[in-house]
Amino acid sequence: MMAGGISEALVTTMLVAVAIPIMLAHTFLSRRVDHVIGDMEEKAVALTNIIMRNGH
């Protein structure tokens, strides 16, 4: 009976050990995507301003 509890604890520990790096990677990539989107929005506004200034 105790072996089942130990096995469950080991599986849970393994899953936590996998989940933490995945969460960190998700956070890093989400922030990176937000940064890239912000850059793209700035460049789109700048391009729109150039086009509007040139009378197109």
PDB file of N, CA and C in Angstrom:
ATOM      1  N   MET A   1       0.818  -1.192   0.000  1.00  0.00           N
ATOM      2  CA  MET A   1       0.000   0.000   0.000  1.00  0.00           C
ATOM      3  C   MET A   1       0.861   1.255   0.000  1.00  0.00           C
ATOM      4  N   MET A   2       1.975   1.222   0.718  1.00  0.00           N
ATOM      5  CA  MET A   2       2.839   2.391   0.780  1.00  0.00           C
ATOM      6  C   MET A   2       3.525   2.644  -0.562  1.00  0.00           C
ATOM      7  N   ALA A   3       3.784   1.576  -1.316  1.00  0.00           N
ATOM      8  CA  ALA A   3       4.445   1.735  -2.612  1.00  0.00           C
ATOM      9  C   ALA A   3       3.590   2.564  -3.565  1.00  0.00           C
ATOM     10  N   GLY A   4       2.284   2.427  -3.471  1.00  0.00           N
ATOM     11  CA  GLY A   4       1.395   3.213  -4.324  1.00  0.00           C
ATOM     12  C   GLY A   4       1.494   4.693  -4.009  1.00  0.00           C
ATOM     13  N   GLY A   5       1.594   5.032  -2.731  1.00  0.00           N
ATOM     14  CA  GLY A   5       1.731   6.431  -2.329  1.00  0.00           C
ATOM     15  C   GLY A   5       3.056   7.016  -2.765  1.00  0.00           C
ATOM     16  N   ILE A   6       4.114   6.214  -2.628  1.00  0.00           N
ATOM     17  CA  ILE A   6       5.439   6.674  -3.051  1.00  0.00           C
ATOM     18  C   ILE A   6       5.460   6.871  -4.561  1.00  0.00           C
ATOM     19  N   SER A   7       4.854   5.945  -5.277  1.00  0.00           N
ATOM     20  CA  SER A   7       4.795   6.058  -6.736  1.00  0.00           C
ATOM     21  C   SER A   7       4.039   7.318  -7.148  1.00  0.00           C
ATOM     22  N   GLU A   8       2.933   7.577  -6.488  1.00  0.00           N
ATOM     23  CA  GLU A   8       2.147   8.777  -6.803  1.00  0.00           C
ATOM     24  C   GLU A   8       2.946  10.043  -6.507  1.00  0.00           C
ATOM     25  N   ALA A   9       3.680  10.042  -5.402  1.00  0.00           N
ATOM     26  CA  ALA A   9       4.502  11.204  -5.053  1.00  0.00           C
ATOM     27  C   ALA A   9       5.608  11.423  -6.081  1.00  0.00           C
ATOM     28  N   LEU A  10       6.216  10.346  -6.553  1.00  0.00           N
ATOM     29  CA  LEU A  10       7.274  10.466  -7.555  1.00  0.00           C
ATOM     30  C   LEU A  10       6.724  11.007  -8.878  1.00  0.00           C
ATOM     31  N   VAL A  11       5.561  10.522  -9.277  1.00  0.00           N
ATOM     32  CA  VAL A  11       4.949  11.001 -10.519  1.00  0.00           C
ATOM     33  C   VAL A  11       4.603  12.477 -10.387  1.00  0.00           C
ATOM     34  N   THR A  12       4.036  12.860  -9.244  1.00  0.00           N
ATOM     35  CA  THR A  12       3.680  14.260  -9.020  1.00  0.00           C
ATOM     36  C   THR A  12       4.918  15.142  -9.056  1.00  0.00           C
ATOM     37  N   THR A  13       5.987  14.701  -8.415  1.00  0.00           N
ATOM     38  CA  THR A  13       7.239  15.459  -8.405  1.00  0.00           C
ATOM     39  C   THR A  13       7.793  15.605  -9.814  1.00  0.00           C
ATOM     40  N   MET A  14       7.725  14.532 -10.590  1.00  0.00           N
ATOM     41  CA  MET A  14       8.212  14.581 -11.965  1.00  0.00           C
ATOM     42  C   MET A  14       7.390  15.577 -12.789  1.00  0.00           C
ATOM     43  N   LEU A  15       6.088  15.550 -12.614  1.00  0.00           N
ATOM     44  CA  LEU A  15       5.233  16.461 -13.373  1.00  0.00           C
ATOM     45  C   LEU A  15       5.496  17.916 -12.999  1.00  0.00           C
ATOM     46  N   VAL A  16       5.740  18.182 -11.723  1.00  0.00           N
ATOM     47  CA  VAL A  16       6.074  19.546 -11.297  1.00  0.00           C
ATOM     48  C   VAL A  16       7.417  19.953 -11.893  1.00  0.00           C
ATOM     49  N   ALA A  17       8.370  19.027 -11.919  1.00  0.00           N
ATOM     50  CA  ALA A  17       9.692  19.324 -12.482  1.00  0.00           C
ATOM     51  C   ALA A  17       9.599  19.638 -13.975  1.00  0.00           C
ATOM     52  N   VAL A  18       8.630  19.072 -14.659  1.00  0.00           N
ATOM     53  CA  VAL A  18       8.423  19.359 -16.078  1.00  0.00           C
ATOM     54  C   VAL A  18       7.616  20.648 -16.252  1.00  0.00           C
ATOM     55  N   ALA A  19       6.622  20.854 -15.400  1.00  0.00           N
ATOM     56  CA  ALA A  19       5.717  21.994 -15.552  1.00  0.00           C
ATOM     57  C   ALA A  19       6.406  23.332 -15.308  1.00  0.00           C
ATOM     58  N   ILE A  20       7.303  23.400 -14.348  1.00  0.00           N
ATOM     59  CA  ILE A  20       7.943  24.681 -14.017  1.00  0.00           C
ATOM     60  C   ILE A  20       8.752  25.231 -15.192  1.00  0.00           C
ATOM     61  N   PRO A  21       9.640  24.453 -15.822  1.00  0.00           N
ATOM     62  CA  PRO A  21      10.354  24.999 -16.988  1.00  0.00           C
ATOM     63  C   PRO A  21       9.415  25.369 -18.139  1.00  0.00           C
ATOM     64  N   ILE A  22       8.346  24.605 -18.318  1.00  0.00           N
ATOM     65  CA  ILE A  22       7.392  24.932 -19.376  1.00  0.00           C
ATOM     66  C   ILE A  22       6.714  26.262 -19.080  1.00  0.00           C
ATOM     67  N   MET A  23       6.345  26.492 -17.830  1.00  0.00           N
ATOM     68  CA  MET A  23       5.725  27.767 -17.460  1.00  0.00           C
ATOM     69  C   MET A  23       6.698  28.923 -17.661  1.00  0.00           C
ATOM     70  N   LEU A  24       7.963  28.722 -17.307  1.00  0.00           N
ATOM     71  CA  LEU A  24       8.968  29.766 -17.507  1.00  0.00           C
ATOM     72  C   LEU A  24       9.149  30.068 -18.993  1.00  0.00           C
ATOM     73  N   ALA A  25       9.202  29.029 -19.811  1.00  0.00           N
ATOM     74  CA  ALA A  25       9.340  29.225 -21.256  1.00  0.00           C
ATOM     75  C   ALA A  25       8.122  29.954 -21.813  1.00  0.00           C
ATOM     76  N   HIS A  26       6.944  29.592 -21.353  1.00  0.00           N
ATOM     77  CA  HIS A  26       5.719  30.254 -21.811  1.00  0.00           C
ATOM     78  C   HIS A  26       5.742  31.736 -21.458  1.00  0.00           C
ATOM     79  N   THR A  27       6.144  32.052 -20.241  1.00  0.00           N
ATOM     80  CA  THR A  27       6.211  33.452 -19.813  1.00  0.00           C
ATOM     81  C   THR A  27       7.213  34.223 -20.656  1.00  0.00           C
ATOM     82  N   PHE A  28       8.395  33.648 -20.873  1.00  0.00           N
ATOM     83  CA  PHE A  28       9.429  34.301 -21.676  1.00  0.00           C
ATOM     84  C   PHE A  28       8.931  34.551 -23.097  1.00  0.00           C
ATOM     85  N   LEU A  29       8.349  33.523 -23.702  1.00  0.00           N
ATOM     86  CA  LEU A  29       7.895  33.651 -25.087  1.00  0.00           C
ATOM     87  C   LEU A  29       6.716  34.611 -25.207  1.00  0.00           C
ATOM     88  N   SER A  30       5.820  34.603 -24.233  1.00  0.00           N
ATOM     89  CA  SER A  30       4.686  35.537 -24.263  1.00  0.00           C
ATOM     90  C   SER A  30       5.165  36.977 -24.200  1.00  0.00           C
ATOM     91  N   ARG A  31       6.138  37.238 -23.338  1.00  0.00           N
ATOM     92  CA  ARG A  31       6.683  38.596 -23.245  1.00  0.00           C
ATOM     93  C   ARG A  31       7.381  38.986 -24.535  1.00  0.00           C
ATOM     94  N   ARG A  32       8.085  38.047 -25.133  1.00  0.00           N
ATOM     95  CA  ARG A  32       8.779  38.319 -26.391  1.00  0.00           C
ATOM     96  C   ARG A  32       7.770  38.648 -27.493  1.00  0.00           C
ATOM     97  N   VAL A  33       6.697  37.878 -27.563  1.00  0.00           N
ATOM     98  CA  VAL A  33       5.657  38.129 -28.561  1.00  0.00           C
ATOM     99  C   VAL A  33       5.046  39.509 -28.346  1.00  0.00           C
ATOM    100  N   ASP A  34       4.761  39.856 -27.093  1.00  0.00           N
ATOM    101  CA  ASP A  34       4.203  41.182 -26.803  1.00  0.00           C
ATOM    102  C   ASP A  34       5.147  42.284 -27.269  1.00  0.00           C
ATOM    103  N   HIS A  35       6.445  42.079 -27.058  1.00  0.00           N
ATOM    104  CA  HIS A  35       7.441  43.071 -27.481  1.00  0.00           C
ATOM    105  C   HIS A  35       7.463  43.197 -29.011  1.00  0.00           C
ATOM    106  N   VAL A  36       7.441  42.074 -29.696  1.00  0.00           N
ATOM    107  CA  VAL A  36       7.454  42.088 -31.164  1.00  0.00           C
ATOM    108  C   VAL A  36       6.186  42.753 -31.698  1.00  0.00           C
ATOM    109  N   ILE A  37       5.048  42.455 -31.093  1.00  0.00           N
ATOM    110  CA  ILE A  37       3.792  43.081 -31.527  1.00  0.00           C
ATOM    111  C   ILE A  37       3.861  44.590 -31.333  1.00  0.00           C
ATOM    112  N   GLY A  38       4.410  45.031 -30.207  1.00  0.00           N
ATOM    113  CA  GLY A  38       4.562  46.465 -29.967  1.00  0.00           C
ATOM    114  C   GLY A  38       5.437  47.122 -31.014  1.00  0.00           C
ATOM    115  N   ASP A  39       6.549  46.468 -31.351  1.00  0.00           N
ATOM    116  CA  ASP A  39       7.437  46.998 -32.397  1.00  0.00           C
ATOM    117  C   ASP A  39       6.716  47.082 -33.743  1.00  0.00           C
ATOM    118  N   MET A  40       5.957  46.044 -34.073  1.00  0.00           N
ATOM    119  CA  MET A  40       5.231  46.038 -35.345  1.00  0.00           C
ATOM    120  C   MET A  40       4.185  47.149 -35.386  1.00  0.00           C
ATOM    121  N   GLU A  41       3.505  47.372 -34.263  1.00  0.00           N
ATOM    122  CA  GLU A  41       2.505  48.445 -34.220  1.00  0.00           C
ATOM    123  C   GLU A  41       3.160  49.807 -34.426  1.00  0.00           C
ATOM    124  N   GLU A  42       4.309  50.031 -33.779  1.00  0.00           N
ATOM    125  CA  GLU A  42       5.025  51.302 -33.947  1.00  0.00           C
ATOM    126  C   GLU A  42       5.438  51.511 -35.399  1.00  0.00           C
ATOM    127  N   LYS A  43       5.954  50.463 -36.024  1.00  0.00           N
ATOM    128  CA  LYS A  43       6.394  50.573 -37.414  1.00  0.00           C
ATOM    129  C   LYS A  43       5.204  50.779 -38.352  1.00  0.00           C
ATOM    130  N   ALA A  44       4.076  50.150 -38.054  1.00  0.00           N
ATOM    131  CA  ALA A  44       2.878  50.334 -38.880  1.00  0.00           C
ATOM    132  C   ALA A  44       2.383  51.775 -38.796  1.00  0.00           C
ATOM    133  N   VAL A  45       2.413  52.350 -37.597  1.00  0.00           N
ATOM    134  CA  VAL A  45       2.000  53.751 -37.438  1.00  0.00           C
ATOM    135  C   VAL A  45       2.956  54.666 -38.190  1.00  0.00           C
ATOM    136  N   ALA A  46       4.259  54.403 -38.074  1.00  0.00           N
ATOM    137  CA  ALA A  46       5.247  55.229 -38.779  1.00  0.00           C
ATOM    138  C   ALA A  46       5.040  55.137 -40.289  1.00  0.00           C
ATOM    139  N   LEU A  47       4.812  53.942 -40.797  1.00  0.00           N
ATOM    140  CA  LEU A  47       4.581  53.765 -42.229  1.00  0.00           C
ATOM    141  C   LEU A  47       3.303  54.476 -42.671  1.00  0.00           C
ATOM    142  N   THR A  48       2.254  54.357 -41.883  1.00  0.00           N
ATOM    143  CA  THR A  48       0.999  55.048 -42.198  1.00  0.00           C
ATOM    144  C   THR A  48       1.214  56.551 -42.243  1.00  0.00           C
ATOM    145  N   ASN A  49       1.972  57.071 -41.297  1.00  0.00           N
ATOM    146  CA  ASN A  49       2.257  58.511 -41.284  1.00  0.00           C
ATOM    147  C   ASN A  49       3.031  58.943 -42.524  1.00  0.00           C
ATOM    148  N   ILE A  50       4.000  58.144 -42.941  1.00  0.00           N
ATOM    149  CA  ILE A  50       4.775  58.465 -44.146  1.00  0.00           C
ATOM    150  C   ILE A  50       3.859  58.472 -45.366  1.00  0.00           C
ATOM    151  N   ILE A  51       3.011  57.469 -45.475  1.00  0.00           N
ATOM    152  CA  ILE A  51       2.099  57.387 -46.619  1.00  0.00           C
ATOM    153  C   ILE A  51       1.145  58.578 -46.627  1.00  0.00           C
ATOM    154  N   MET A  52       0.603  58.925 -45.476  1.00  0.00           N
ATOM    155  CA  MET A  52      -0.341  60.047 -45.395  1.00  0.00           C
ATOM    156  C   MET A  52       0.352  61.373 -45.704  1.00  0.00           C
ATOM    157  N   ARG A  53       1.599  61.524 -45.272  1.00  0.00           N
ATOM    158  CA  ARG A  53       2.353  62.751 -45.524  1.00  0.00           C
ATOM    159  C   ARG A  53       2.634  62.942 -47.008  1.00  0.00           C
ATOM    160  N   ASN A  54       2.832  61.838 -47.705  1.00  0.00           N
ATOM    161  CA  ASN A  54       3.139  61.914 -49.136  1.00  0.00           C
ATOM    162  C   ASN A  54       1.884  62.041 -49.988  1.00  0.00           C
ATOM    163  N   GLY A  55       0.733  62.125 -49.367  1.00  0.00           N
ATOM    164  CA  GLY A  55      -0.503  62.386 -50.090  1.00  0.00           C
ATOM    165  C   GLY A  55      -1.092  61.210 -50.830  1.00  0.00           C
ATOM    166  N   HIS A  56      -0.793  60.022 -50.420  1.00  0.00           N
ATOM    167  CA  HIS A  56      -1.359  58.850 -51.105  1.00  0.00           C
ATOM    168  C   HIS A  56      -2.626  58.439 -50.438  1.00  0.00           C
TER     169      HIS A  56
END
